[in-house]
C-alpha cells in the first residue's frame, strides 16, 4: 500500500494524503491582491488531488514583497479575494494554507521573466530595503538599512496581523517563510547578521526574531490549526547556517507550537554551488524529524510517485512538497496514484480519461 496516499492529521486538520503544493511565486498580483489567475492556479491543484495547497509567499508588508507583482496580506482588503480561493480549495477536497513572508534585502526585484534584477524607485521598486544588518545581498544590489529594535517589533506585528487576516480568509494552515535568504533567514545566518544587540551574535540571539514571530502568530492562530515553518537547513557555506543549528532551532520551535518544519536550503548569498539532484534535501528533513522529534516536509526535485512514496515510507519526512512538477502537471497526484496502484483519486468528471 502506497503510504503517500495515507491521510495525515495535524492538530484538528486532516489532509487526504501526504502531497503538498509548495509555495510558488506567480508574479501576477497588483498591489498584493489575489485575482482570477490565483483562483484558477490554486484551485486546479486541489482538483488535481494534492492534500495541501499552499499559496505563494504572501508579503506581510508592501516593502516585504520580492517583486511588485507578489501576493500580499498586509491589508484587510486583501482578505476577500483570498477567502474566495480558500473556499474553492476546500470545496475540491484539499486543505488551504498560506505562506507568510518578508523578503528583507532581497525585495524590490523584477519578476524572473523581466530579468530578476533589483528595481529602482522609478522602475516600480522601493527604498529602503531592510535587513538584519546593512549588508547588501550581492555586489549589484542595494545596501539595506539594519532594522532598529522598533522596526523589528513592527515586522513581528505585521506577521501577527497577517495571521489574523489569514484566519479571517479561512486558511487552515500557516507557513512562516524563514528560508531562501529572505528577512528571517537574514537574521538566522551569521553570513548576513553582524548585529551586536539581542538579535545578533549567538544562536539564541539570531533565532530570536523567528521565535518571537512564532510566539505572536501562535497566540492568534487557533490551537486546532497547524503552524509550519520553512527553513533553509543549510547555507551550503562554511561558517554559515547549518543542519546542526537547524535541528536545535526545530527543537525550540516545537516547544513554541510549531507542528512541521518544511526543509529547504540555500539562498542567503549568491554564487553558491549547491549539489542539486533528485531528493538532495531529503536528508535534512530526515535528520530534523529524527533528532528534533518533529514532523517534517521534504522538498526539492521530487518528480515521481515512487520517489515521493519512498520518502514517506522510509520515515524521511511526513509530507512531500512539490513545486515545478506541479506547475508542469497539476494532476500529478492522480498519475502517481495510478502508478502506485492506489484506489482512484481523480474526480468523477475525469473518469473516462483513466478507463
Foldseek 3Di string as FASTA:
>chain_A
DQQQQPWDDDQQDIFRGQEEADADWPLAAAPQADDPVQLCLQLLLLLLFGAEYEYHAAELDCLQALENSGHHQVDLVNLPRLLVSQVSSVVSNHAYEYEYTGAALNHQFHPVVVPGHHDDVVRVGDDDGEACPQDHQDPRGHGHHHADPVRLVVSLVSLLVSLLSCVVSPHQEYEYECAQQGHLVLLQKPVNHPDDDQSDDDNNNSNVSVLSSLLSNPVNRDLSGAYEYEYAQEQLDPRIHHVVSVLVSLLVSVVSRHAEYEYHHHRNHPDHDDPADAQPRLQSQQCSCVRSVHAYEGEGNDAALVSQSCSCVVSSHPHYHYYVNCVVPSNRVQVSCVVVVHPGRRDPVCVVVPD
